[in-house]
Amino acid sequence: MPRIGVVVLTMGRRPDDLVRGIRSVLDQRDVAVDVAVVGNGWDPATADPPLPAGVHAVHLPENLGIPAGRNRGVPAVGGDILFFLDDDAFLPDPDFLARGAAMLAARPELGLVQPRVVDPTGLESPRRWIPRIRKGDPAQSSPVFSCWEGAVLMPRDVFERIGGWGDPYFYAHEGIELAWRVWDSGRVAWYAGDLEAAHPVIDPARHSYYFRLNARNRVWLAKRNLPAALAPLYVGAWTGIQVLRWARRPADLRAWFGGWAAGWREDPGGRRRLRWRTVWRMTRAGRPPII
């Protein structure tokens, strides 16, 4: 029976959703789960209702951001497979983790699996939840070069080899770096259209820092990960895309360029360049790290 370490990230602001998400993990069949709830600036030991028996509470006195919070939960759980779940997501299928573990066992080249994401009320899923340029059928599986971060399954040894989630990002685009580094480890990041996780449709721009961090982290992705020849191409392409998208939203565009400037000015917290071999593998698979 596969043993899976599950890290659930929360700020304690959605108690009903948190209960639903934890219960959906504990109800999984044919796997052993070791679950930790990481409270970003909140102590899960004070949860009302209390955490179920056997679920670990990891208290972070201050909000370290989404990727750093996930990383802090990993030492608290055992298992050769890790699963990361946001507190407003849940697993509608009790065989989800068993099927995901079987996929990883049958295909050792996979280093990350992102499921298809659906809204539990039946709303149409945003296109951004399918992390590929040619979206196509949401049920169609394929290699990908970024991931939607709210429900991610991966082998622990791959997670440790690539250094986990990028702590400095705080919010936005950490799933791109995670996927890039999975590819750089020699594995493949995979979108599994036949696995389903549930998450409500929410506008990401609801956060006041959305536009700034969206731009800053685009620049940081290039500075932290790309060979020098590709970094200006990547940032230049995304700058053009954002200008076209938000040309009629000058306030949002100003906030975005404020983050863009901060990305060049500030230290991204470490560098580890993708190998040119990885760039070639990604290109052959359909998406060079330029767009």
C-alpha atoms as a PDB file:
ATOM      1  CA  MET A   1       0.000   0.000   0.000  1.00  0.00           C
ATOM      2  CA  PRO A   2       1.570   3.331  -1.037  1.00  0.00           C
ATOM      3  CA  ARG A   3       2.286   5.772   1.785  1.00  0.00           C
ATOM      4  CA  ILE A   4       1.639   9.380   0.840  1.00  0.00           C
ATOM      5  CA  GLY A   5       2.622  12.470   2.762  1.00  0.00           C
ATOM      6  CA  VAL A   6      -0.064  15.143   2.381  1.00  0.00           C
ATOM      7  CA  VAL A   7       0.641  18.816   3.077  1.00  0.00           C
ATOM      8  CA  VAL A   8      -2.466  20.997   3.394  1.00  0.00           C
ATOM      9  CA  LEU A   9      -1.769  24.730   3.396  1.00  0.00           C
ATOM     10  CA  THR A  10      -4.088  27.211   5.092  1.00  0.00           C
ATOM     11  CA  MET A  11      -4.276  30.605   6.796  1.00  0.00           C
ATOM     12  CA  GLY A  12      -7.183  29.425   8.951  1.00  0.00           C
ATOM     13  CA  ARG A  13      -9.718  31.663   7.234  1.00  0.00           C
ATOM     14  CA  ARG A  14     -11.799  28.915   5.579  1.00  0.00           C
ATOM     15  CA  PRO A  15     -12.601  26.412   8.356  1.00  0.00           C
ATOM     16  CA  ASP A  16     -15.399  24.641   6.486  1.00  0.00           C
ATOM     17  CA  ASP A  17     -13.312  24.252   3.345  1.00  0.00           C
ATOM     18  CA  LEU A  18     -10.371  23.025   5.402  1.00  0.00           C
ATOM     19  CA  VAL A  19     -12.500  20.335   7.031  1.00  0.00           C
ATOM     20  CA  ARG A  20     -13.801  19.251   3.638  1.00  0.00           C
ATOM     21  CA  GLY A  21     -10.317  19.051   2.140  1.00  0.00           C
ATOM     22  CA  ILE A  22      -8.853  17.049   5.051  1.00  0.00           C
ATOM     23  CA  ARG A  23     -11.810  14.680   5.058  1.00  0.00           C
ATOM     24  CA  SER A  24     -11.426  14.054   1.330  1.00  0.00           C
ATOM     25  CA  VAL A  25      -7.817  12.992   1.979  1.00  0.00           C
ATOM     26  CA  LEU A  26      -8.601  10.791   4.970  1.00  0.00           C
ATOM     27  CA  ASP A  27     -11.347   9.071   2.963  1.00  0.00           C
ATOM     28  CA  GLN A  28      -8.892   7.945   0.254  1.00  0.00           C
ATOM     29  CA  ARG A  29      -8.844   4.199  -0.347  1.00  0.00           C
ATOM     30  CA  ASP A  30      -5.937   1.764  -0.806  1.00  0.00           C
ATOM     31  CA  VAL A  31      -3.272   4.230   0.384  1.00  0.00           C
ATOM     32  CA  ALA A  32      -1.805   5.171   3.762  1.00  0.00           C
ATOM     33  CA  VAL A  33      -1.809   8.928   4.263  1.00  0.00           C
ATOM     34  CA  ASP A  34       0.252  10.997   6.685  1.00  0.00           C
ATOM     35  CA  VAL A  35      -1.318  14.466   6.814  1.00  0.00           C
ATOM     36  CA  ALA A  36       0.060  17.770   8.050  1.00  0.00           C
ATOM     37  CA  VAL A  37      -1.860  21.046   8.126  1.00  0.00           C
ATOM     38  CA  VAL A  38       0.455  24.035   7.789  1.00  0.00           C
ATOM     39  CA  GLY A  39      -0.906  27.252   9.267  1.00  0.00           C
ATOM     40  CA  ASN A  40       0.625  30.270   7.530  1.00  0.00           C
ATOM     41  CA  GLY A  41       0.433  32.850  10.312  1.00  0.00           C
ATOM     42  CA  TRP A  42      -2.106  30.680  12.146  1.00  0.00           C
ATOM     43  CA  ASP A  43      -1.872  27.774  14.581  1.00  0.00           C
ATOM     44  CA  PRO A  44      -3.837  24.738  13.313  1.00  0.00           C
ATOM     45  CA  ALA A  45      -3.851  23.370  16.863  1.00  0.00           C
ATOM     46  CA  THR A  46      -6.484  26.026  17.627  1.00  0.00           C
ATOM     47  CA  ALA A  47      -8.763  24.944  14.769  1.00  0.00           C
ATOM     48  CA  ASP A  48     -12.501  24.788  15.458  1.00  0.00           C
ATOM     49  CA  PRO A  49     -13.499  22.047  14.923  1.00  0.00           C
ATOM     50  CA  PRO A  50     -10.194  20.451  15.980  1.00  0.00           C
ATOM     51  CA  LEU A  51      -8.020  18.644  13.477  1.00  0.00           C
ATOM     52  CA  PRO A  52      -8.823  14.928  13.174  1.00  0.00           C
ATOM     53  CA  ALA A  53      -6.743  12.542  15.249  1.00  0.00           C
ATOM     54  CA  GLY A  54      -3.387  11.779  13.670  1.00  0.00           C
ATOM     55  CA  VAL A  55      -3.256  14.953  11.567  1.00  0.00           C
ATOM     56  CA  HIS A  56      -0.165  17.008  12.383  1.00  0.00           C
ATOM     57  CA  ALA A  57      -0.332  20.739  13.044  1.00  0.00           C
ATOM     58  CA  VAL A  58       2.544  22.886  11.759  1.00  0.00           C
ATOM     59  CA  HIS A  59       2.384  26.428  13.099  1.00  0.00           C
ATOM     60  CA  LEU A  60       4.195  29.216  11.234  1.00  0.00           C
ATOM     61  CA  PRO A  61       3.937  32.331  13.428  1.00  0.00           C
ATOM     62  CA  GLU A  62       4.073  34.587  10.367  1.00  0.00           C
ATOM     63  CA  ASN A  63       2.795  34.153   6.846  1.00  0.00           C
ATOM     64  CA  LEU A  64       5.860  33.011   4.886  1.00  0.00           C
ATOM     65  CA  GLY A  65       3.970  32.811   1.605  1.00  0.00           C
ATOM     66  CA  ILE A  66       2.521  29.894  -0.287  1.00  0.00           C
ATOM     67  CA  PRO A  67       5.635  28.051  -1.549  1.00  0.00           C
ATOM     68  CA  ALA A  68       7.575  28.452   1.709  1.00  0.00           C
ATOM     69  CA  GLY A  69       4.545  27.264   3.661  1.00  0.00           C
ATOM     70  CA  ARG A  70       4.294  24.103   1.587  1.00  0.00           C
ATOM     71  CA  ASN A  71       8.003  23.429   2.021  1.00  0.00           C
ATOM     72  CA  ARG A  72       7.723  23.702   5.812  1.00  0.00           C
ATOM     73  CA  GLY A  73       5.111  20.961   5.866  1.00  0.00           C
ATOM     74  CA  VAL A  74       7.200  18.311   4.129  1.00  0.00           C
ATOM     75  CA  PRO A  75       9.417  17.329   7.112  1.00  0.00           C
ATOM     76  CA  ALA A  76       6.263  16.708   9.164  1.00  0.00           C
ATOM     77  CA  VAL A  77       4.999  13.887   6.924  1.00  0.00           C
ATOM     78  CA  GLY A  78       6.341  10.529   5.830  1.00  0.00           C
ATOM     79  CA  GLY A  79       5.925   8.633   2.587  1.00  0.00           C
ATOM     80  CA  ASP A  80       7.735   8.219  -0.700  1.00  0.00           C
ATOM     81  CA  ILE A  81       5.090  10.319  -2.464  1.00  0.00           C
ATOM     82  CA  LEU A  82       4.089  13.880  -1.579  1.00  0.00           C
ATOM     83  CA  PHE A  83       0.744  15.521  -2.249  1.00  0.00           C
ATOM     84  CA  PHE A  84       0.172  19.256  -1.821  1.00  0.00           C
ATOM     85  CA  LEU A  85      -3.390  20.490  -1.347  1.00  0.00           C
ATOM     86  CA  ASP A  86      -4.691  24.020  -0.780  1.00  0.00           C
ATOM     87  CA  ASP A  87      -7.368  24.434   1.862  1.00  0.00           C
ATOM     88  CA  ASP A  88     -10.077  25.420  -0.635  1.00  0.00           C
ATOM     89  CA  ALA A  89      -9.479  22.335  -2.812  1.00  0.00           C
ATOM     90  CA  PHE A  90     -10.610  18.761  -2.209  1.00  0.00           C
ATOM     91  CA  LEU A  91     -10.641  15.314  -3.815  1.00  0.00           C
ATOM     92  CA  PRO A  92     -14.080  14.203  -5.025  1.00  0.00           C
ATOM     93  CA  ASP A  93     -12.821  10.721  -5.964  1.00  0.00           C
ATOM     94  CA  PRO A  94     -11.791   8.439  -3.039  1.00  0.00           C
ATOM     95  CA  ASP A  95      -9.432   6.598  -5.412  1.00  0.00           C
ATOM     96  CA  PHE A  96      -7.569   9.748  -6.496  1.00  0.00           C
ATOM     97  CA  LEU A  97      -4.372   9.135  -4.532  1.00  0.00           C
ATOM     98  CA  ALA A  98      -4.268   5.410  -5.284  1.00  0.00           C
ATOM     99  CA  ARG A  99      -4.621   6.099  -8.994  1.00  0.00           C
ATOM    100  CA  GLY A 100      -2.007   8.851  -8.835  1.00  0.00           C
ATOM    101  CA  ALA A 101       0.426   6.587  -6.978  1.00  0.00           C
ATOM    102  CA  ALA A 102      -0.157   3.830  -9.539  1.00  0.00           C
ATOM    103  CA  MET A 103       0.573   6.308 -12.340  1.00  0.00           C
ATOM    104  CA  LEU A 104       3.881   7.290 -10.759  1.00  0.00           C
ATOM    105  CA  ALA A 105       4.815   3.644 -10.208  1.00  0.00           C
ATOM    106  CA  ALA A 106       3.964   2.652 -13.783  1.00  0.00           C
ATOM    107  CA  ARG A 107       5.722   5.643 -15.325  1.00  0.00           C
ATOM    108  CA  PRO A 108       8.980   6.350 -13.475  1.00  0.00           C
ATOM    109  CA  GLU A 109       9.803   9.163 -15.905  1.00  0.00           C
ATOM    110  CA  LEU A 110       7.088  11.302 -14.276  1.00  0.00           C
ATOM    111  CA  GLY A 111       8.310  13.754 -11.653  1.00  0.00           C
ATOM    112  CA  LEU A 112       5.110  15.757 -11.108  1.00  0.00           C
ATOM    113  CA  VAL A 113       1.414  15.159 -11.717  1.00  0.00           C
ATOM    114  CA  GLN A 114      -1.206  17.904 -11.801  1.00  0.00           C
ATOM    115  CA  PRO A 115      -4.823  16.728 -12.057  1.00  0.00           C
ATOM    116  CA  ARG A 116      -7.650  18.257 -14.042  1.00  0.00           C
ATOM    117  CA  VAL A 117      -9.367  20.863 -11.866  1.00  0.00           C
ATOM    118  CA  VAL A 118     -13.132  21.356 -11.812  1.00  0.00           C
ATOM    119  CA  ASP A 119     -15.448  23.714  -9.955  1.00  0.00           C
ATOM    120  CA  PRO A 120     -17.652  21.697  -7.557  1.00  0.00           C
ATOM    121  CA  THR A 121     -20.727  23.772  -8.418  1.00  0.00           C
ATOM    122  CA  GLY A 122     -20.412  23.129 -12.148  1.00  0.00           C
ATOM    123  CA  LEU A 123     -19.017  26.512 -13.237  1.00  0.00           C
ATOM    124  CA  GLU A 124     -16.819  26.412 -16.317  1.00  0.00           C
ATOM    125  CA  SER A 125     -13.173  25.947 -15.384  1.00  0.00           C
ATOM    126  CA  PRO A 126     -10.781  28.777 -16.301  1.00  0.00           C
ATOM    127  CA  ARG A 127      -8.409  28.027 -19.149  1.00  0.00           C
ATOM    128  CA  ARG A 128      -5.453  28.835 -16.875  1.00  0.00           C
ATOM    129  CA  TRP A 129      -6.118  25.598 -14.974  1.00  0.00           C
ATOM    130  CA  ILE A 130      -4.911  23.676 -18.038  1.00  0.00           C
ATOM    131  CA  PRO A 131      -1.211  24.617 -18.038  1.00  0.00           C
ATOM    132  CA  ARG A 132      -0.449  24.369 -21.741  1.00  0.00           C
ATOM    133  CA  ILE A 133      -0.634  26.764 -24.671  1.00  0.00           C
ATOM    134  CA  ARG A 134      -2.995  24.626 -26.767  1.00  0.00           C
ATOM    135  CA  LYS A 135      -5.691  23.975 -24.184  1.00  0.00           C
ATOM    136  CA  GLY A 136      -7.836  21.510 -26.137  1.00  0.00           C
ATOM    137  CA  ASP A 137      -9.924  18.967 -24.273  1.00  0.00           C
ATOM    138  CA  PRO A 138      -9.472  19.343 -20.478  1.00  0.00           C
ATOM    139  CA  ALA A 139      -9.662  15.556 -20.168  1.00  0.00           C
ATOM    140  CA  GLN A 140      -6.683  15.101 -22.505  1.00  0.00           C
ATOM    141  CA  SER A 141      -3.419  14.359 -20.698  1.00  0.00           C
ATOM    142  CA  SER A 142      -0.070  15.783 -21.806  1.00  0.00           C
ATOM    143  CA  PRO A 143       3.361  16.934 -20.672  1.00  0.00           C
ATOM    144  CA  VAL A 144       3.310  20.481 -19.261  1.00  0.00           C
ATOM    145  CA  PHE A 145       5.848  23.130 -18.349  1.00  0.00           C
ATOM    146  CA  SER A 146       4.046  24.781 -15.455  1.00  0.00           C
ATOM    147  CA  CYS A 147       1.434  23.580 -12.999  1.00  0.00           C
ATOM    148  CA  TRP A 148      -1.625  24.793 -11.155  1.00  0.00           C
ATOM    149  CA  GLU A 149      -0.316  24.609  -7.611  1.00  0.00           C
ATOM    150  CA  GLY A 150      -3.436  23.812  -5.572  1.00  0.00           C
ATOM    151  CA  ALA A 151      -3.210  20.016  -5.975  1.00  0.00           C
ATOM    152  CA  VAL A 152       0.155  18.519  -6.959  1.00  0.00           C
ATOM    153  CA  LEU A 153       1.450  14.954  -6.614  1.00  0.00           C
ATOM    154  CA  MET A 154       5.142  14.091  -6.899  1.00  0.00           C
ATOM    155  CA  PRO A 155       7.775  11.609  -5.701  1.00  0.00           C
ATOM    156  CA  ARG A 156       9.541  12.784  -2.571  1.00  0.00           C
ATOM    157  CA  ASP A 157      12.987  12.064  -4.020  1.00  0.00           C
ATOM    158  CA  VAL A 158      12.272  14.381  -6.960  1.00  0.00           C
ATOM    159  CA  PHE A 159      10.993  17.092  -4.633  1.00  0.00           C
ATOM    160  CA  GLU A 160      14.159  16.894  -2.545  1.00  0.00           C
ATOM    161  CA  ARG A 161      16.449  16.733  -5.566  1.00  0.00           C
ATOM    162  CA  ILE A 162      15.063  19.912  -7.113  1.00  0.00           C
ATOM    163  CA  GLY A 163      14.967  21.847  -3.836  1.00  0.00           C
ATOM    164  CA  GLY A 164      11.198  21.976  -3.416  1.00  0.00           C
ATOM    165  CA  TRP A 165       9.051  25.018  -4.073  1.00  0.00           C
ATOM    166  CA  GLY A 166      10.794  28.366  -4.567  1.00  0.00           C
ATOM    167  CA  ASP A 167      10.555  30.010  -1.134  1.00  0.00           C
ATOM    168  CA  PRO A 168      11.140  33.628  -2.263  1.00  0.00           C
ATOM    169  CA  TYR A 169       8.148  33.874  -4.628  1.00  0.00           C
ATOM    170  CA  PHE A 170       5.555  34.211  -1.822  1.00  0.00           C
ATOM    171  CA  TYR A 171       2.701  34.034  -4.366  1.00  0.00           C
ATOM    172  CA  ALA A 172       2.434  33.432  -8.132  1.00  0.00           C
ATOM    173  CA  HIS A 173       4.450  31.420 -10.639  1.00  0.00           C
ATOM    174  CA  GLU A 174       6.125  29.066  -8.186  1.00  0.00           C
ATOM    175  CA  GLY A 175       4.452  26.265 -10.150  1.00  0.00           C
ATOM    176  CA  ILE A 176       6.351  27.275 -13.291  1.00  0.00           C
ATOM    177  CA  GLU A 177       9.706  26.980 -11.566  1.00  0.00           C
ATOM    178  CA  LEU A 178       8.709  23.671  -9.960  1.00  0.00           C
ATOM    179  CA  ALA A 179       7.831  22.213 -13.373  1.00  0.00           C
ATOM    180  CA  TRP A 180      10.986  23.591 -15.009  1.00  0.00           C
ATOM    181  CA  ARG A 181      13.157  22.034 -12.326  1.00  0.00           C
ATOM    182  CA  VAL A 182      11.344  18.716 -12.651  1.00  0.00           C
ATOM    183  CA  TRP A 183      12.289  18.772 -16.329  1.00  0.00           C
ATOM    184  CA  ASP A 184      15.855  19.729 -15.392  1.00  0.00           C
ATOM    185  CA  SER A 185      16.034  16.681 -13.106  1.00  0.00           C
ATOM    186  CA  GLY A 186      15.474  14.474 -16.145  1.00  0.00           C
ATOM    187  CA  ARG A 187      11.806  13.791 -15.363  1.00  0.00           C
ATOM    188  CA  VAL A 188       8.565  14.969 -16.969  1.00  0.00           C
ATOM    189  CA  ALA A 189       5.870  17.237 -15.521  1.00  0.00           C
ATOM    190  CA  TRP A 190       2.493  15.748 -16.428  1.00  0.00           C
ATOM    191  CA  TYR A 191      -1.077  17.040 -16.667  1.00  0.00           C
ATOM    192  CA  ALA A 192      -3.388  14.111 -15.887  1.00  0.00           C
ATOM    193  CA  GLY A 193      -6.755  14.788 -17.463  1.00  0.00           C
ATOM    194  CA  ASP A 194      -8.101  11.537 -16.035  1.00  0.00           C
ATOM    195  CA  LEU A 195      -7.490  12.578 -12.413  1.00  0.00           C
ATOM    196  CA  GLU A 196      -9.861  15.153 -10.956  1.00  0.00           C
ATOM    197  CA  ALA A 197      -9.528  17.625  -8.093  1.00  0.00           C
ATOM    198  CA  ALA A 198     -12.161  20.181  -7.136  1.00  0.00           C
ATOM    199  CA  HIS A 199     -11.637  23.894  -6.503  1.00  0.00           C
ATOM    200  CA  PRO A 200     -14.022  26.851  -6.748  1.00  0.00           C
ATOM    201  CA  VAL A 201     -13.572  29.327  -9.583  1.00  0.00           C
ATOM    202  CA  ILE A 202     -12.021  32.409  -7.974  1.00  0.00           C
ATOM    203  CA  ASP A 203     -10.533  35.497  -9.604  1.00  0.00           C
ATOM    204  CA  PRO A 204      -6.787  35.503  -8.777  1.00  0.00           C
ATOM    205  CA  ALA A 205      -6.749  39.300  -9.108  1.00  0.00           C
ATOM    206  CA  ARG A 206      -8.721  39.495  -5.850  1.00  0.00           C
ATOM    207  CA  HIS A 207      -5.375  39.810  -4.065  1.00  0.00           C
ATOM    208  CA  SER A 208      -4.119  43.397  -3.846  1.00  0.00           C
ATOM    209  CA  TYR A 209      -0.588  42.216  -4.658  1.00  0.00           C
ATOM    210  CA  TYR A 210      -1.607  40.112  -7.675  1.00  0.00           C
ATOM    211  CA  PHE A 211      -0.350  42.404 -10.461  1.00  0.00           C
ATOM    212  CA  ARG A 212       2.879  43.361  -8.706  1.00  0.00           C
ATOM    213  CA  LEU A 213       3.921  39.819  -7.782  1.00  0.00           C
ATOM    214  CA  ASN A 214       2.775  38.460 -11.138  1.00  0.00           C
ATOM    215  CA  ALA A 215       5.302  40.738 -12.843  1.00  0.00           C
ATOM    216  CA  ARG A 216       8.085  40.545 -10.255  1.00  0.00           C
ATOM    217  CA  ASN A 217       8.013  36.765 -10.278  1.00  0.00           C
ATOM    218  CA  ARG A 218       8.118  36.597 -14.079  1.00  0.00           C
ATOM    219  CA  VAL A 219      11.425  38.436 -13.939  1.00  0.00           C
ATOM    220  CA  TRP A 220      12.610  36.285 -11.043  1.00  0.00           C
ATOM    221  CA  LEU A 221      11.816  33.113 -12.994  1.00  0.00           C
ATOM    222  CA  ALA A 222      14.191  34.262 -15.703  1.00  0.00           C
ATOM    223  CA  LYS A 223      16.889  35.433 -13.293  1.00  0.00           C
ATOM    224  CA  ARG A 224      16.755  32.275 -11.164  1.00  0.00           C
ATOM    225  CA  ASN A 225      16.382  29.636 -13.862  1.00  0.00           C
ATOM    226  CA  LEU A 226      17.153  30.618 -17.446  1.00  0.00           C
ATOM    227  CA  PRO A 227      20.454  30.730 -19.314  1.00  0.00           C
ATOM    228  CA  ALA A 228      21.536  34.321 -19.937  1.00  0.00           C
ATOM    229  CA  ALA A 229      20.662  34.120 -23.640  1.00  0.00           C
ATOM    230  CA  LEU A 230      17.032  33.152 -22.916  1.00  0.00           C
ATOM    231  CA  ALA A 231      16.221  35.410 -19.955  1.00  0.00           C
ATOM    232  CA  PRO A 232      15.583  38.627 -21.968  1.00  0.00           C
ATOM    233  CA  LEU A 233      13.532  36.675 -24.529  1.00  0.00           C
ATOM    234  CA  TYR A 234      11.296  35.230 -21.824  1.00  0.00           C
ATOM    235  CA  VAL A 235      10.765  38.517 -19.992  1.00  0.00           C
ATOM    236  CA  GLY A 236      10.344  40.425 -23.261  1.00  0.00           C
ATOM    237  CA  ALA A 237       7.702  38.002 -24.546  1.00  0.00           C
ATOM    238  CA  TRP A 238       5.672  38.223 -21.342  1.00  0.00           C
ATOM    239  CA  THR A 239       5.994  41.997 -21.204  1.00  0.00           C
ATOM    240  CA  GLY A 240       4.487  42.218 -24.661  1.00  0.00           C
ATOM    241  CA  ILE A 241       1.714  39.786 -23.762  1.00  0.00           C
ATOM    242  CA  GLN A 242       0.734  41.726 -20.650  1.00  0.00           C
ATOM    243  CA  VAL A 243       0.748  45.078 -22.438  1.00  0.00           C
ATOM    244  CA  LEU A 244      -1.620  43.640 -25.048  1.00  0.00           C
ATOM    245  CA  ARG A 245      -3.860  42.066 -22.407  1.00  0.00           C
ATOM    246  CA  TRP A 246      -4.174  45.093 -20.168  1.00  0.00           C
ATOM    247  CA  ALA A 247      -3.730  48.029 -22.546  1.00  0.00           C
ATOM    248  CA  ARG A 248      -7.189  49.274 -21.537  1.00  0.00           C
ATOM    249  CA  ARG A 249      -6.502  48.817 -17.807  1.00  0.00           C
ATOM    250  CA  PRO A 250      -3.847  51.449 -17.085  1.00  0.00           C
ATOM    251  CA  ALA A 251      -4.018  51.130 -13.270  1.00  0.00           C
ATOM    252  CA  ASP A 252      -3.399  47.384 -13.437  1.00  0.00           C
ATOM    253  CA  LEU A 253      -0.641  47.881 -15.974  1.00  0.00           C
ATOM    254  CA  ARG A 254       1.075  50.453 -13.748  1.00  0.00           C
ATOM    255  CA  ALA A 255       1.010  47.996 -10.831  1.00  0.00           C
ATOM    256  CA  TRP A 256       2.374  45.286 -13.122  1.00  0.00           C
ATOM    257  CA  PHE A 257       5.279  47.452 -14.298  1.00  0.00           C
ATOM    258  CA  GLY A 258       6.015  48.370 -10.690  1.00  0.00           C
ATOM    259  CA  GLY A 259       6.534  44.677  -9.997  1.00  0.00           C
ATOM    260  CA  TRP A 260       8.492  44.288 -13.244  1.00  0.00           C
ATOM    261  CA  ALA A 261      10.961  46.954 -12.107  1.00  0.00           C
ATOM    262  CA  ALA A 262      11.209  45.389  -8.636  1.00  0.00           C
ATOM    263  CA  GLY A 263      12.020  42.047 -10.238  1.00  0.00           C
ATOM    264  CA  TRP A 264      15.125  43.465 -11.880  1.00  0.00           C
ATOM    265  CA  ARG A 265      16.073  45.505  -8.811  1.00  0.00           C
ATOM    266  CA  GLU A 266      15.610  42.889  -6.094  1.00  0.00           C
ATOM    267  CA  ASP A 267      17.528  39.712  -5.336  1.00  0.00           C
ATOM    268  CA  PRO A 268      15.497  36.646  -6.423  1.00  0.00           C
ATOM    269  CA  GLY A 269      16.991  34.511  -3.667  1.00  0.00           C
ATOM    270  CA  GLY A 270      19.350  32.183  -5.504  1.00  0.00           C
ATOM    271  CA  ARG A 271      20.076  30.976  -9.021  1.00  0.00           C
ATOM    272  CA  ARG A 272      20.243  27.553 -10.633  1.00  0.00           C
ATOM    273  CA  ARG A 273      20.289  27.688 -14.400  1.00  0.00           C
ATOM    274  CA  LEU A 274      18.469  25.128 -16.536  1.00  0.00           C
ATOM    275  CA  ARG A 275      20.857  23.034 -18.564  1.00  0.00           C
ATOM    276  CA  TRP A 276      20.785  23.476 -22.328  1.00  0.00           C
ATOM    277  CA  ARG A 277      19.930  19.777 -22.524  1.00  0.00           C
ATOM    278  CA  THR A 278      16.779  20.559 -20.549  1.00  0.00           C
ATOM    279  CA  VAL A 279      15.924  23.467 -22.851  1.00  0.00           C
ATOM    280  CA  TRP A 280      16.203  21.084 -25.797  1.00  0.00           C
ATOM    281  CA  ARG A 281      14.021  18.428 -24.100  1.00  0.00           C
ATOM    282  CA  MET A 282      11.358  21.011 -23.333  1.00  0.00           C
ATOM    283  CA  THR A 283      11.498  22.312 -26.903  1.00  0.00           C
ATOM    284  CA  ARG A 284      11.096  18.804 -28.336  1.00  0.00           C
ATOM    285  CA  ALA A 285       8.166  18.228 -25.978  1.00  0.00           C
ATOM    286  CA  GLY A 286       6.413  21.340 -27.277  1.00  0.00           C
ATOM    287  CA  ARG A 287       7.367  24.411 -25.269  1.00  0.00           C
ATOM    288  CA  PRO A 288      10.809  26.014 -25.043  1.00  0.00           C
ATOM    289  CA  PRO A 289      11.192  28.216 -21.921  1.00  0.00           C
ATOM    290  CA  ILE A 290      10.663  31.441 -23.845  1.00  0.00           C
ATOM    291  CA  ILE A 291       6.877  31.910 -23.568  1.00  0.00           C
END
